[in-house]
PDB file of N, CA and C in Angstrom:
ATOM      1  N   LYS A   1       0.838  -1.176   0.000  1.00  0.00           N
ATOM      2  CA  LYS A   1       0.000   0.000   0.000  1.00  0.00           C
ATOM      3  C   LYS A   1       0.890   1.249   0.000  1.00  0.00           C
ATOM      4  N   TRP A   2       0.559   2.235  -0.805  1.00  0.00           N
ATOM      5  CA  TRP A   2       1.401   3.419  -0.989  1.00  0.00           C
ATOM      6  C   TRP A   2       1.638   4.179   0.312  1.00  0.00           C
ATOM      7  N   THR A   3       0.715   4.102   1.255  1.00  0.00           N
ATOM      8  CA  THR A   3       0.835   4.884   2.486  1.00  0.00           C
ATOM      9  C   THR A   3       1.992   4.428   3.362  1.00  0.00           C
ATOM     10  N   ARG A   4       2.537   3.259   3.119  1.00  0.00           N
ATOM     11  CA  ARG A   4       3.683   2.748   3.887  1.00  0.00           C
ATOM     12  C   ARG A   4       4.939   2.732   3.033  1.00  0.00           C
ATOM     13  N   GLN A   5       4.973   3.548   1.992  1.00  0.00           N
ATOM     14  CA  GLN A   5       6.123   3.559   1.090  1.00  0.00           C
ATOM     15  C   GLN A   5       6.724   4.946   0.981  1.00  0.00           C
ATOM     16  N   VAL A   6       8.041   4.972   0.880  1.00  0.00           N
ATOM     17  CA  VAL A   6       8.819   6.198   0.761  1.00  0.00           C
ATOM     18  C   VAL A   6       9.681   6.083  -0.489  1.00  0.00           C
ATOM     19  N   LEU A   7       9.773   7.171  -1.237  1.00  0.00           N
ATOM     20  CA  LEU A   7      10.704   7.222  -2.361  1.00  0.00           C
ATOM     21  C   LEU A   7      11.984   7.874  -1.870  1.00  0.00           C
ATOM     22  N   TRP A   8      13.111   7.177  -2.038  1.00  0.00           N
ATOM     23  CA  TRP A   8      14.404   7.696  -1.590  1.00  0.00           C
ATOM     24  C   TRP A   8      15.266   7.917  -2.821  1.00  0.00           C
ATOM     25  N   VAL A   9      15.607   9.175  -3.098  1.00  0.00           N
ATOM     26  CA  VAL A   9      16.364   9.551  -4.288  1.00  0.00           C
ATOM     27  C   VAL A   9      17.797   9.869  -3.873  1.00  0.00           C
ATOM     28  N   ASP A  10      18.718   9.064  -4.362  1.00  0.00           N
ATOM     29  CA  ASP A  10      20.131   9.246  -4.013  1.00  0.00           C
ATOM     30  C   ASP A  10      20.958   8.460  -5.016  1.00  0.00           C
ATOM     31  N   ASP A  11      21.966   9.112  -5.596  1.00  0.00           N
ATOM     32  CA  ASP A  11      22.807   8.408  -6.566  1.00  0.00           C
ATOM     33  C   ASP A  11      23.850   7.520  -5.895  1.00  0.00           C
ATOM     34  N   ARG A  12      23.904   7.564  -4.552  1.00  0.00           N
ATOM     35  CA  ARG A  12      24.786   6.672  -3.793  1.00  0.00           C
ATOM     36  C   ARG A  12      23.969   5.987  -2.694  1.00  0.00           C
ATOM     37  N   PRO A  13      23.148   5.025  -3.052  1.00  0.00           N
ATOM     38  CA  PRO A  13      22.236   4.420  -2.063  1.00  0.00           C
ATOM     39  C   PRO A  13      22.939   3.725  -0.901  1.00  0.00           C
ATOM     40  N   ARG A  14      24.209   3.365  -1.064  1.00  0.00           N
ATOM     41  CA  ARG A  14      24.919   2.744   0.060  1.00  0.00           C
ATOM     42  C   ARG A  14      25.024   3.702   1.245  1.00  0.00           C
ATOM     43  N   ASN A  15      24.971   5.004   0.958  1.00  0.00           N
ATOM     44  CA  ASN A  15      25.072   6.005   2.017  1.00  0.00           C
ATOM     45  C   ASN A  15      23.874   6.016   2.962  1.00  0.00           C
ATOM     46  N   ASN A  16      22.773   5.393   2.556  1.00  0.00           N
ATOM     47  CA  ASN A  16      21.585   5.445   3.403  1.00  0.00           C
ATOM     48  C   ASN A  16      21.038   4.066   3.784  1.00  0.00           C
ATOM     49  N   GLU A  17      21.897   3.070   3.789  1.00  0.00           N
ATOM     50  CA  GLU A  17      21.452   1.723   4.180  1.00  0.00           C
ATOM     51  C   GLU A  17      20.921   1.688   5.610  1.00  0.00           C
ATOM     52  N   THR A  18      21.568   2.418   6.519  1.00  0.00           N
ATOM     53  CA  THR A  18      21.105   2.449   7.913  1.00  0.00           C
ATOM     54  C   THR A  18      19.693   3.003   7.985  1.00  0.00           C
ATOM     55  N   GLY A  19      19.457   4.078   7.302  1.00  0.00           N
ATOM     56  CA  GLY A  19      18.117   4.672   7.289  1.00  0.00           C
ATOM     57  C   GLY A  19      17.083   3.736   6.713  1.00  0.00           C
ATOM     58  N   ARG A  20      17.413   3.069   5.636  1.00  0.00           N
ATOM     59  CA  ARG A  20      16.450   2.139   5.027  1.00  0.00           C
ATOM     60  C   ARG A  20      16.145   0.972   5.960  1.00  0.00           C
ATOM     61  N   ARG A  21      17.158   0.517   6.720  1.00  0.00           N
ATOM     62  CA  ARG A  21      16.913  -0.549   7.701  1.00  0.00           C
ATOM     63  C   ARG A  21      15.981  -0.056   8.806  1.00  0.00           C
ATOM     64  N   LEU A  22      16.175   1.184   9.248  1.00  0.00           N
ATOM     65  CA  LEU A  22      15.282   1.762  10.256  1.00  0.00           C
ATOM     66  C   LEU A  22      13.837   1.768   9.760  1.00  0.00           C
ATOM     67  N   PHE A  23      13.633   2.235   8.537  1.00  0.00           N
ATOM     68  CA  PHE A  23      12.281   2.259   7.985  1.00  0.00           C
ATOM     69  C   PHE A  23      11.707   0.854   7.851  1.00  0.00           C
ATOM     70  N   ALA A  24      12.514  -0.078   7.391  1.00  0.00           N
ATOM     71  CA  ALA A  24      12.045  -1.458   7.236  1.00  0.00           C
ATOM     72  C   ALA A  24      11.619  -2.043   8.578  1.00  0.00           C
ATOM     73  N   SER A  25      12.294  -1.644   9.651  1.00  0.00           N
ATOM     74  CA  SER A  25      11.937  -2.161  10.980  1.00  0.00           C
ATOM     75  C   SER A  25      10.548  -1.706  11.404  1.00  0.00           C
ATOM     76  N   GLN A  26      10.027  -0.666  10.754  1.00  0.00           N
ATOM     77  CA  GLN A  26       8.685  -0.157  11.058  1.00  0.00           C
ATOM     78  C   GLN A  26       7.709  -0.439   9.912  1.00  0.00           C
ATOM     79  N   ALA A  27       8.027  -1.415   9.099  1.00  0.00           N
ATOM     80  CA  ALA A  27       7.186  -1.833   7.971  1.00  0.00           C
ATOM     81  C   ALA A  27       6.956  -0.687   6.983  1.00  0.00           C
ATOM     82  N   ILE A  28       7.991   0.134   6.795  1.00  0.00           N
ATOM     83  CA  ILE A  28       7.956   1.205   5.802  1.00  0.00           C
ATOM     84  C   ILE A  28       8.911   0.815   4.690  1.00  0.00           C
ATOM     85  N   ARG A  29       8.384   0.703   3.492  1.00  0.00           N
ATOM     86  CA  ARG A  29       9.172   0.234   2.353  1.00  0.00           C
ATOM     87  C   ARG A  29       9.788   1.417   1.612  1.00  0.00           C
ATOM     88  N   CYS A  30      11.066   1.327   1.306  1.00  0.00           N
ATOM     89  CA  CYS A  30      11.765   2.363   0.552  1.00  0.00           C
ATOM     90  C   CYS A  30      11.964   1.898  -0.882  1.00  0.00           C
ATOM     91  N   THR A  31      11.559   2.736  -1.813  1.00  0.00           N
ATOM     92  CA  THR A  31      11.838   2.520  -3.228  1.00  0.00           C
ATOM     93  C   THR A  31      12.962   3.473  -3.601  1.00  0.00           C
ATOM     94  N   LEU A  32      13.983   2.960  -4.255  1.00  0.00           N
ATOM     95  CA  LEU A  32      15.148   3.776  -4.603  1.00  0.00           C
ATOM     96  C   LEU A  32      15.037   4.328  -6.019  1.00  0.00           C
ATOM     97  N   ALA A  33      15.492   5.573  -6.167  1.00  0.00           N
ATOM     98  CA  ALA A  33      15.687   6.183  -7.481  1.00  0.00           C
ATOM     99  C   ALA A  33      17.086   6.792  -7.449  1.00  0.00           C
ATOM    100  N   LEU A  34      17.831   6.617  -8.523  1.00  0.00           N
ATOM    101  CA  LEU A  34      19.218   7.087  -8.561  1.00  0.00           C
ATOM    102  C   LEU A  34      19.371   8.474  -9.179  1.00  0.00           C
ATOM    103  N   SER A  35      18.280   9.008  -9.751  1.00  0.00           N
ATOM    104  CA  SER A  35      18.367  10.298 -10.428  1.00  0.00           C
ATOM    105  C   SER A  35      17.025  11.017 -10.366  1.00  0.00           C
ATOM    106  N   THR A  36      17.056  12.294 -10.686  1.00  0.00           N
ATOM    107  CA  THR A  36      15.821  13.081 -10.764  1.00  0.00           C
ATOM    108  C   THR A  36      14.896  12.498 -11.820  1.00  0.00           C
ATOM    109  N   ALA A  37      15.445  12.165 -12.972  1.00  0.00           N
ATOM    110  CA  ALA A  37      14.625  11.611 -14.058  1.00  0.00           C
ATOM    111  C   ALA A  37      13.948  10.310 -13.628  1.00  0.00           C
ATOM    112  N   GLU A  38      14.688   9.432 -12.958  1.00  0.00           N
ATOM    113  CA  GLU A  38      14.117   8.167 -12.500  1.00  0.00           C
ATOM    114  C   GLU A  38      13.019   8.418 -11.460  1.00  0.00           C
ATOM    115  N   ALA A  39      13.245   9.373 -10.564  1.00  0.00           N
ATOM    116  CA  ALA A  39      12.240   9.703  -9.553  1.00  0.00           C
ATOM    117  C   ALA A  39      10.966  10.223 -10.207  1.00  0.00           C
ATOM    118  N   LEU A  40      11.109  11.131 -11.148  1.00  0.00           N
ATOM    119  CA  LEU A  40       9.927  11.694 -11.816  1.00  0.00           C
ATOM    120  C   LEU A  40       9.163  10.625 -12.580  1.00  0.00           C
ATOM    121  N   GLU A  41       9.903   9.699 -13.179  1.00  0.00           N
ATOM    122  CA  GLU A  41       9.253   8.598 -13.896  1.00  0.00           C
ATOM    123  C   GLU A  41       8.443   7.722 -12.930  1.00  0.00           C
ATOM    124  N   LEU A  42       9.021   7.378 -11.799  1.00  0.00           N
ATOM    125  CA  LEU A  42       8.298   6.586 -10.800  1.00  0.00           C
ATOM    126  C   LEU A  42       7.052   7.315 -10.310  1.00  0.00           C
ATOM    127  N   LEU A  43       7.173   8.626 -10.121  1.00  0.00           N
ATOM    128  CA  LEU A  43       6.067   9.409  -9.577  1.00  0.00           C
ATOM    129  C   LEU A  43       4.936   9.629 -10.577  1.00  0.00           C
ATOM    130  N   GLU A  44       5.163   9.302 -11.841  1.00  0.00           N
ATOM    131  CA  GLU A  44       4.081   9.385 -12.823  1.00  0.00           C
ATOM    132  C   GLU A  44       3.026   8.320 -12.581  1.00  0.00           C
ATOM    133  N   THR A  45       3.445   7.184 -12.004  1.00  0.00           N
ATOM    134  CA  THR A  45       2.518   6.058 -11.859  1.00  0.00           C
ATOM    135  C   THR A  45       2.334   5.583 -10.424  1.00  0.00           C
ATOM    136  N   ARG A  46       3.112   6.126  -9.489  1.00  0.00           N
ATOM    137  CA  ARG A  46       3.047   5.644  -8.107  1.00  0.00           C
ATOM    138  C   ARG A  46       2.940   6.802  -7.130  1.00  0.00           C
ATOM    139  N   ARG A  47       2.354   6.500  -5.978  1.00  0.00           N
ATOM    140  CA  ARG A  47       2.264   7.468  -4.887  1.00  0.00           C
ATOM    141  C   ARG A  47       3.122   6.982  -3.726  1.00  0.00           C
ATOM    142  N   PHE A  48       3.613   7.932  -2.955  1.00  0.00           N
ATOM    143  CA  PHE A  48       4.431   7.626  -1.787  1.00  0.00           C
ATOM    144  C   PHE A  48       3.982   8.521  -0.643  1.00  0.00           C
ATOM    145  N   ALA A  49       4.155   8.042   0.577  1.00  0.00           N
ATOM    146  CA  ALA A  49       3.791   8.838   1.747  1.00  0.00           C
ATOM    147  C   ALA A  49       4.763  10.001   1.930  1.00  0.00           C
ATOM    148  N   ALA A  50       6.009   9.832   1.478  1.00  0.00           N
ATOM    149  CA  ALA A  50       7.029  10.881   1.592  1.00  0.00           C
ATOM    150  C   ALA A  50       8.129  10.614   0.577  1.00  0.00           C
ATOM    151  N   ILE A  51       8.900  11.675   0.319  1.00  0.00           N
ATOM    152  CA  ILE A  51      10.056  11.584  -0.568  1.00  0.00           C
ATOM    153  C   ILE A  51      11.269  12.088   0.204  1.00  0.00           C
ATOM    154  N   ILE A  52      12.349  11.325   0.123  1.00  0.00           N
ATOM    155  CA  ILE A  52      13.630  11.728   0.699  1.00  0.00           C
ATOM    156  C   ILE A  52      14.583  11.917  -0.476  1.00  0.00           C
ATOM    157  N   SER A  53      15.326  13.020  -0.460  1.00  0.00           N
ATOM    158  CA  SER A  53      16.293  13.254  -1.527  1.00  0.00           C
ATOM    159  C   SER A  53      17.604  13.746  -0.948  1.00  0.00           C
ATOM    160  N   ASP A  54      18.691  13.315  -1.564  1.00  0.00           N
ATOM    161  CA  ASP A  54      19.966  13.938  -1.248  1.00  0.00           C
ATOM    162  C   ASP A  54      19.987  15.293  -1.961  1.00  0.00           C
ATOM    163  N   MET A  55      21.037  16.046  -1.779  1.00  0.00           N
ATOM    164  CA  MET A  55      21.086  17.358  -2.425  1.00  0.00           C
ATOM    165  C   MET A  55      21.874  17.289  -3.722  1.00  0.00           C
ATOM    166  N   GLY A  56      23.148  16.933  -3.656  1.00  0.00           N
ATOM    167  CA  GLY A  56      23.977  16.894  -4.852  1.00  0.00           C
ATOM    168  C   GLY A  56      24.010  15.511  -5.461  1.00  0.00           C
ATOM    169  N   ARG A  57      23.789  15.471  -6.764  1.00  0.00           N
ATOM    170  CA  ARG A  57      23.911  14.208  -7.505  1.00  0.00           C
ATOM    171  C   ARG A  57      24.725  14.484  -8.758  1.00  0.00           C
ATOM    172  N   ALA A  58      24.969  13.452  -9.527  1.00  0.00           N
ATOM    173  CA  ALA A  58      25.748  13.621 -10.760  1.00  0.00           C
ATOM    174  C   ALA A  58      25.155  14.718 -11.643  1.00  0.00           C
ATOM    175  N   GLU A  59      23.832  14.897 -11.576  1.00  0.00           N
ATOM    176  CA  GLU A  59      23.175  15.909 -12.418  1.00  0.00           C
ATOM    177  C   GLU A  59      23.519  17.339 -11.996  1.00  0.00           C
ATOM    178  N   GLY A  60      23.827  17.551 -10.702  1.00  0.00           N
ATOM    179  CA  GLY A  60      24.139  18.897 -10.245  1.00  0.00           C
ATOM    180  C   GLY A  60      24.226  18.986  -8.734  1.00  0.00           C
ATOM    181  N   LEU A  61      24.811  20.090  -8.247  1.00  0.00           N
ATOM    182  CA  LEU A  61      25.050  20.259  -6.809  1.00  0.00           C
ATOM    183  C   LEU A  61      23.791  20.536  -6.007  1.00  0.00           C
ATOM    184  N   THR A  62      22.750  21.050  -6.655  1.00  0.00           N
ATOM    185  CA  THR A  62      21.490  21.342  -5.953  1.00  0.00           C
ATOM    186  C   THR A  62      20.331  20.554  -6.561  1.00  0.00           C
ATOM    187  N   GLU A  63      20.620  19.352  -6.979  1.00  0.00           N
ATOM    188  CA  GLU A  63      19.620  18.529  -7.667  1.00  0.00           C
ATOM    189  C   GLU A  63      18.421  18.210  -6.777  1.00  0.00           C
ATOM    190  N   GLY A  64      18.629  18.183  -5.465  1.00  0.00           N
ATOM    191  CA  GLY A  64      17.497  17.973  -4.560  1.00  0.00           C
ATOM    192  C   GLY A  64      16.433  19.043  -4.759  1.00  0.00           C
ATOM    193  N   TYR A  65      16.852  20.277  -4.984  1.00  0.00           N
ATOM    194  CA  TYR A  65      15.905  21.369  -5.233  1.00  0.00           C
ATOM    195  C   TYR A  65      15.320  21.312  -6.641  1.00  0.00           C
ATOM    196  N   VAL A  66      16.089  20.826  -7.600  1.00  0.00           N
ATOM    197  CA  VAL A  66      15.576  20.673  -8.970  1.00  0.00           C
ATOM    198  C   VAL A  66      14.391  19.709  -8.956  1.00  0.00           C
ATOM    199  N   LEU A  67      14.556  18.572  -8.279  1.00  0.00           N
ATOM    200  CA  LEU A  67      13.467  17.598  -8.186  1.00  0.00           C
ATOM    201  C   LEU A  67      12.280  18.195  -7.437  1.00  0.00           C
ATOM    202  N   LEU A  68      12.536  18.855  -6.333  1.00  0.00           N
ATOM    203  CA  LEU A  68      11.464  19.454  -5.543  1.00  0.00           C
ATOM    204  C   LEU A  68      10.660  20.451  -6.378  1.00  0.00           C
ATOM    205  N   LYS A  69      11.343  21.323  -7.115  1.00  0.00           N
ATOM    206  CA  LYS A  69      10.654  22.304  -7.950  1.00  0.00           C
ATOM    207  C   LYS A  69       9.830  21.610  -9.031  1.00  0.00           C
ATOM    208  N   ALA A  70      10.394  20.594  -9.654  1.00  0.00           N
ATOM    209  CA  ALA A  70       9.660  19.858 -10.693  1.00  0.00           C
ATOM    210  C   ALA A  70       8.380  19.251 -10.116  1.00  0.00           C
ATOM    211  N   LEU A  71       8.467  18.695  -8.924  1.00  0.00           N
ATOM    212  CA  LEU A  71       7.285  18.099  -8.291  1.00  0.00           C
ATOM    213  C   LEU A  71       6.236  19.150  -7.981  1.00  0.00           C
ATOM    214  N   ARG A  72       6.648  20.236  -7.332  1.00  0.00           N
ATOM    215  CA  ARG A  72       5.692  21.280  -6.955  1.00  0.00           C
ATOM    216  C   ARG A  72       5.079  21.932  -8.191  1.00  0.00           C
ATOM    217  N   ASP A  73       5.875  22.107  -9.259  1.00  0.00           N
ATOM    218  CA  ASP A  73       5.348  22.678 -10.508  1.00  0.00           C
ATOM    219  C   ASP A  73       4.272  21.781 -11.116  1.00  0.00           C
ATOM    220  N   ARG A  74       4.347  20.483 -10.837  1.00  0.00           N
ATOM    221  CA  ARG A  74       3.357  19.525 -11.346  1.00  0.00           C
ATOM    222  C   ARG A  74       2.185  19.343 -10.387  1.00  0.00           C
ATOM    223  N   GLY A  75       2.205  20.092  -9.298  1.00  0.00           N
ATOM    224  CA  GLY A  75       1.113  19.983  -8.334  1.00  0.00           C
ATOM    225  C   GLY A  75       1.280  18.856  -7.336  1.00  0.00           C
ATOM    226  N   ASN A  76       2.443  18.199  -7.339  1.00  0.00           N
ATOM    227  CA  ASN A  76       2.696  17.107  -6.401  1.00  0.00           C
ATOM    228  C   ASN A  76       3.129  17.703  -5.061  1.00  0.00           C
ATOM    229  N   GLN A  77       2.304  17.491  -4.035  1.00  0.00           N
ATOM    230  CA  GLN A  77       2.572  18.050  -2.707  1.00  0.00           C
ATOM    231  C   GLN A  77       3.039  16.987  -1.708  1.00  0.00           C
ATOM    232  N   THR A  78       3.564  15.870  -2.196  1.00  0.00           N
ATOM    233  CA  THR A  78       4.082  14.825  -1.309  1.00  0.00           C
ATOM    234  C   THR A  78       5.121  15.432  -0.359  1.00  0.00           C
ATOM    235  N   PRO A  79       5.045  15.142   0.942  1.00  0.00           N
ATOM    236  CA  PRO A  79       6.051  15.640   1.882  1.00  0.00           C
ATOM    237  C   PRO A  79       7.456  15.269   1.408  1.00  0.00           C
ATOM    238  N   TYR A  80       8.370  16.250   1.458  1.00  0.00           N
ATOM    239  CA  TYR A  80       9.687  16.132   0.844  1.00  0.00           C
ATOM    240  C   TYR A  80      10.752  16.513   1.858  1.00  0.00           C
ATOM    241  N   PHE A  81      11.729  15.632   2.025  1.00  0.00           N
ATOM    242  CA  PHE A  81      12.788  15.835   3.007  1.00  0.00           C
ATOM    243  C   PHE A  81      14.143  15.706   2.337  1.00  0.00           C
ATOM    244  N   ILE A  82      15.044  16.627   2.656  1.00  0.00           N
ATOM    245  CA  ILE A  82      16.412  16.585   2.145  1.00  0.00           C
ATOM    246  C   ILE A  82      17.281  15.888   3.195  1.00  0.00           C
ATOM    247  N   TYR A  83      18.001  14.855   2.764  1.00  0.00           N
ATOM    248  CA  TYR A  83      18.947  14.157   3.632  1.00  0.00           C
ATOM    249  C   TYR A  83      20.307  14.325   2.982  1.00  0.00           C
ATOM    250  N   ALA A  84      21.101  15.251   3.543  1.00  0.00           N
ATOM    251  CA  ALA A  84      22.364  15.633   2.912  1.00  0.00           C
ATOM    252  C   ALA A  84      23.457  15.743   3.962  1.00  0.00           C
ATOM    253  N   GLY A  85      24.623  16.145   3.534  1.00  0.00           N
ATOM    254  CA  GLY A  85      25.777  16.189   4.418  1.00  0.00           C
ATOM    255  C   GLY A  85      25.749  17.300   5.455  1.00  0.00           C
ATOM    256  N   SER A  86      24.914  18.294   5.252  1.00  0.00           N
ATOM    257  CA  SER A  86      24.899  19.450   6.145  1.00  0.00           C
ATOM    258  C   SER A  86      23.669  19.452   7.042  1.00  0.00           C
ATOM    259  N   ASP A  87      23.860  19.943   8.254  1.00  0.00           N
ATOM    260  CA  ASP A  87      22.741  20.146   9.174  1.00  0.00           C
ATOM    261  C   ASP A  87      22.738  21.596   9.661  1.00  0.00           C
ATOM    262  N   LEU A  88      23.321  22.489   8.863  1.00  0.00           N
ATOM    263  CA  LEU A  88      23.369  23.896   9.238  1.00  0.00           C
ATOM    264  C   LEU A  88      21.967  24.505   9.228  1.00  0.00           C
ATOM    265  N   PRO A  89      21.659  25.351  10.197  1.00  0.00           N
ATOM    266  CA  PRO A  89      20.324  25.977  10.244  1.00  0.00           C
ATOM    267  C   PRO A  89      19.952  26.687   8.943  1.00  0.00           C
ATOM    268  N   GLU A  90      20.924  27.329   8.295  1.00  0.00           N
ATOM    269  CA  GLU A  90      20.593  28.039   7.052  1.00  0.00           C
ATOM    270  C   GLU A  90      20.198  27.082   5.928  1.00  0.00           C
ATOM    271  N   HIS A  91      20.723  25.858   5.939  1.00  0.00           N
ATOM    272  CA  HIS A  91      20.315  24.881   4.928  1.00  0.00           C
ATOM    273  C   HIS A  91      18.896  24.384   5.208  1.00  0.00           C
ATOM    274  N   HIS A  92      18.560  24.232   6.480  1.00  0.00           N
ATOM    275  CA  HIS A  92      17.192  23.849   6.847  1.00  0.00           C
ATOM    276  C   HIS A  92      16.219  24.958   6.426  1.00  0.00           C
ATOM    277  N   GLU A  93      16.566  26.208   6.715  1.00  0.00           N
ATOM    278  CA  GLU A  93      15.710  27.339   6.331  1.00  0.00           C
ATOM    279  C   GLU A  93      15.537  27.409   4.819  1.00  0.00           C
ATOM    280  N   GLN A  94      16.628  27.197   4.083  1.00  0.00           N
ATOM    281  CA  GLN A  94      16.558  27.231   2.624  1.00  0.00           C
ATOM    282  C   GLN A  94      15.652  26.110   2.105  1.00  0.00           C
ATOM    283  N   ALA A  95      15.740  24.937   2.718  1.00  0.00           N
ATOM    284  CA  ALA A  95      14.880  23.828   2.307  1.00  0.00           C
ATOM    285  C   ALA A  95      13.408  24.193   2.500  1.00  0.00           C
ATOM    286  N   LEU A  96      13.080  24.780   3.650  1.00  0.00           N
ATOM    287  CA  LEU A  96      11.699  25.180   3.914  1.00  0.00           C
ATOM    288  C   LEU A  96      11.233  26.232   2.905  1.00  0.00           C
ATOM    289  N   LYS A  97      12.090  27.187   2.588  1.00  0.00           N
ATOM    290  CA  LYS A  97      11.739  28.225   1.610  1.00  0.00           C
ATOM    291  C   LYS A  97      11.488  27.633   0.234  1.00  0.00           C
ATOM    292  N   ASN A  98      12.184  26.546  -0.087  1.00  0.00           N
ATOM    293  CA  ASN A  98      12.016  25.891  -1.385  1.00  0.00           C
ATOM    294  C   ASN A  98      10.829  24.934  -1.415  1.00  0.00           C
ATOM    295  N   GLY A  99      10.161  24.748  -0.272  1.00  0.00           N
ATOM    296  CA  GLY A  99       8.968  23.910  -0.251  1.00  0.00           C
ATOM    297  C   GLY A  99       9.157  22.530   0.335  1.00  0.00           C
ATOM    298  N   ALA A 100      10.344  22.253   0.879  1.00  0.00           N
ATOM    299  CA  ALA A 100      10.561  20.967   1.558  1.00  0.00           C
ATOM    300  C   ALA A 100      10.019  21.065   2.988  1.00  0.00           C
ATOM    301  N   GLN A 101       9.840  19.925   3.618  1.00  0.00           N
ATOM    302  CA  GLN A 101       9.378  19.893   4.999  1.00  0.00           C
ATOM    303  C   GLN A 101      10.545  19.904   5.983  1.00  0.00           C
ATOM    304  N   GLY A 102      11.753  19.640   5.494  1.00  0.00           N
ATOM    305  CA  GLY A 102      12.911  19.659   6.373  1.00  0.00           C
ATOM    306  C   GLY A 102      14.167  19.245   5.644  1.00  0.00           C
ATOM    307  N   SER A 103      15.308  19.524   6.293  1.00  0.00           N
ATOM    308  CA  SER A 103      16.615  19.135   5.766  1.00  0.00           C
ATOM    309  C   SER A 103      17.496  18.786   6.952  1.00  0.00           C
ATOM    310  N   THR A 104      18.189  17.661   6.849  1.00  0.00           N
ATOM    311  CA  THR A 104      19.034  17.209   7.955  1.00  0.00           C
ATOM    312  C   THR A 104      20.114  16.269   7.450  1.00  0.00           C
ATOM    313  N   ASN A 105      21.124  16.051   8.293  1.00  0.00           N
ATOM    314  CA  ASN A 105      22.101  14.993   8.044  1.00  0.00           C
ATOM    315  C   ASN A 105      22.011  13.937   9.144  1.00  0.00           C
ATOM    316  N   ASP A 106      21.004  14.060   9.993  1.00  0.00           N
ATOM    317  CA  ASP A 106      20.802  13.180  11.149  1.00  0.00           C
ATOM    318  C   ASP A 106      19.744  12.133  10.811  1.00  0.00           C
ATOM    319  N   VAL A 107      20.176  10.873  10.702  1.00  0.00           N
ATOM    320  CA  VAL A 107      19.244   9.822  10.284  1.00  0.00           C
ATOM    321  C   VAL A 107      18.109   9.637  11.286  1.00  0.00           C
ATOM    322  N   ALA A 108      18.368   9.856  12.573  1.00  0.00           N
ATOM    323  CA  ALA A 108      17.302   9.708  13.573  1.00  0.00           C
ATOM    324  C   ALA A 108      16.232  10.785  13.378  1.00  0.00           C
ATOM    325  N   ARG A 109      16.664  12.014  13.110  1.00  0.00           N
ATOM    326  CA  ARG A 109      15.695  13.104  12.873  1.00  0.00           C
ATOM    327  C   ARG A 109      14.909  12.831  11.598  1.00  0.00           C
ATOM    328  N   LEU A 110      15.609  12.409  10.540  1.00  0.00           N
ATOM    329  CA  LEU A 110      14.934  12.069   9.290  1.00  0.00           C
ATOM    330  C   LEU A 110      13.888  10.990   9.526  1.00  0.00           C
ATOM    331  N   PHE A 111      14.270   9.948  10.256  1.00  0.00           N
ATOM    332  CA  PHE A 111      13.357   8.842  10.546  1.00  0.00           C
ATOM    333  C   PHE A 111      12.110   9.347  11.277  1.00  0.00           C
ATOM    334  N   LEU A 112      12.299  10.227  12.247  1.00  0.00           N
ATOM    335  CA  LEU A 112      11.170  10.777  12.997  1.00  0.00           C
ATOM    336  C   LEU A 112      10.244  11.560  12.075  1.00  0.00           C
ATOM    337  N   TRP A 113      10.803  12.471  11.295  1.00  0.00           N
ATOM    338  CA  TRP A 113       9.988  13.288  10.391  1.00  0.00           C
ATOM    339  C   TRP A 113       9.203  12.435   9.402  1.00  0.00           C
ATOM    340  N   VAL A 114       9.893  11.516   8.744  1.00  0.00           N
ATOM    341  CA  VAL A 114       9.253  10.707   7.706  1.00  0.00           C
ATOM    342  C   VAL A 114       8.238   9.753   8.329  1.00  0.00           C
ATOM    343  N   SER A 115       8.570   9.168   9.463  1.00  0.00           N
ATOM    344  CA  SER A 115       7.621   8.271  10.141  1.00  0.00           C
ATOM    345  C   SER A 115       6.332   8.993  10.491  1.00  0.00           C
ATOM    346  N   GLU A 116       6.441  10.247  10.921  1.00  0.00           N
ATOM    347  CA  GLU A 116       5.241  11.042  11.218  1.00  0.00           C
ATOM    348  C   GLU A 116       4.359  11.188   9.978  1.00  0.00           C
ATOM    349  N   GLN A 117       4.969  11.415   8.826  1.00  0.00           N
ATOM    350  CA  GLN A 117       4.197  11.549   7.586  1.00  0.00           C
ATOM    351  C   GLN A 117       3.537  10.227   7.200  1.00  0.00           C
ATOM    352  N   VAL A 118       4.274   9.134   7.378  1.00  0.00           N
ATOM    353  CA  VAL A 118       3.724   7.817   7.060  1.00  0.00           C
ATOM    354  C   VAL A 118       2.548   7.518   7.977  1.00  0.00           C
ATOM    355  N   GLU A 119       2.673   7.845   9.248  1.00  0.00           N
ATOM    356  CA  GLU A 119       1.576   7.600  10.192  1.00  0.00           C
ATOM    357  C   GLU A 119       0.344   8.431   9.835  1.00  0.00           C
ATOM    358  N   LYS A 120       0.543   9.653   9.377  1.00  0.00           N
ATOM    359  CA  LYS A 120      -0.590  10.481   8.930  1.00  0.00           C
ATOM    360  C   LYS A 120      -1.295   9.837   7.744  1.00  0.00           C
ATOM    361  N   ALA A 121      -0.500   9.220   6.867  1.00  0.00           N
ATOM    362  CA  ALA A 121      -1.055   8.605   5.660  1.00  0.00           C
ATOM    363  C   ALA A 121      -1.724   7.252   5.953  1.00  0.00           C
ATOM    364  N   SER A 122      -1.310   6.590   7.025  1.00  0.00           N
ATOM    365  CA  SER A 122      -1.869   5.256   7.333  1.00  0.00           C
ATOM    366  C   SER A 122      -2.168   5.139   8.823  1.00  0.00           C
ATOM    367  N   PRO A 123      -3.106   5.946   9.333  1.00  0.00           N
ATOM    368  CA  PRO A 123      -3.395   5.920  10.774  1.00  0.00           C
ATOM    369  C   PRO A 123      -3.879   4.545  11.213  1.00  0.00           C
ATOM    370  N   GLY A 124      -3.436   4.165  12.395  1.00  0.00           N
ATOM    371  CA  GLY A 124      -3.893   2.900  12.974  1.00  0.00           C
ATOM    372  C   GLY A 124      -3.222   1.674  12.430  1.00  0.00           C
ATOM    373  N   PHE A 125      -2.225   1.835  11.544  1.00  0.00           N
ATOM    374  CA  PHE A 125      -1.531   0.670  10.986  1.00  0.00           C
ATOM    375  C   PHE A 125      -0.758  -0.040  12.073  1.00  0.00           C
ATOM    376  N   LYS A 126      -0.932  -1.354  12.135  1.00  0.00           N
ATOM    377  CA  LYS A 126      -0.180  -2.183  13.099  1.00  0.00           C
ATOM    378  C   LYS A 126       0.800  -3.029  12.325  1.00  0.00           C
ATOM    379  N   HIS A 127       2.062  -2.993  12.756  1.00  0.00           N
ATOM    380  CA  HIS A 127       3.099  -3.790  12.071  1.00  0.00           C
ATOM    381  C   HIS A 127       3.591  -4.893  12.978  1.00  0.00           C
TER     382      HIS A 127
END
């Protein structure tokens, strides 16, 4: 069911294995996309409770924002979280200004934020 699924966009998925294990422990399935194009293609036919994106990918240093803008321009309001190397307050503020729900480099904080969105999408789910 889409309400227990997260799209994770990162061209280096090995960097987030710990996070994916955390989500799996709560019956939250992560679908991986390695690029903005792959993510947009998946989102044409599938829904997710939340989207996690890194910031810099082979396509560019701010590719996380490129994907976010493309989604919002298409009317897609799926909760969007940046998981990147920085946890500076100004990067979090910039993420919010760009329409994301948060930005962090802390996997525990990311897990909390995304889990809250999944719970909103699937209230009362027992795993």
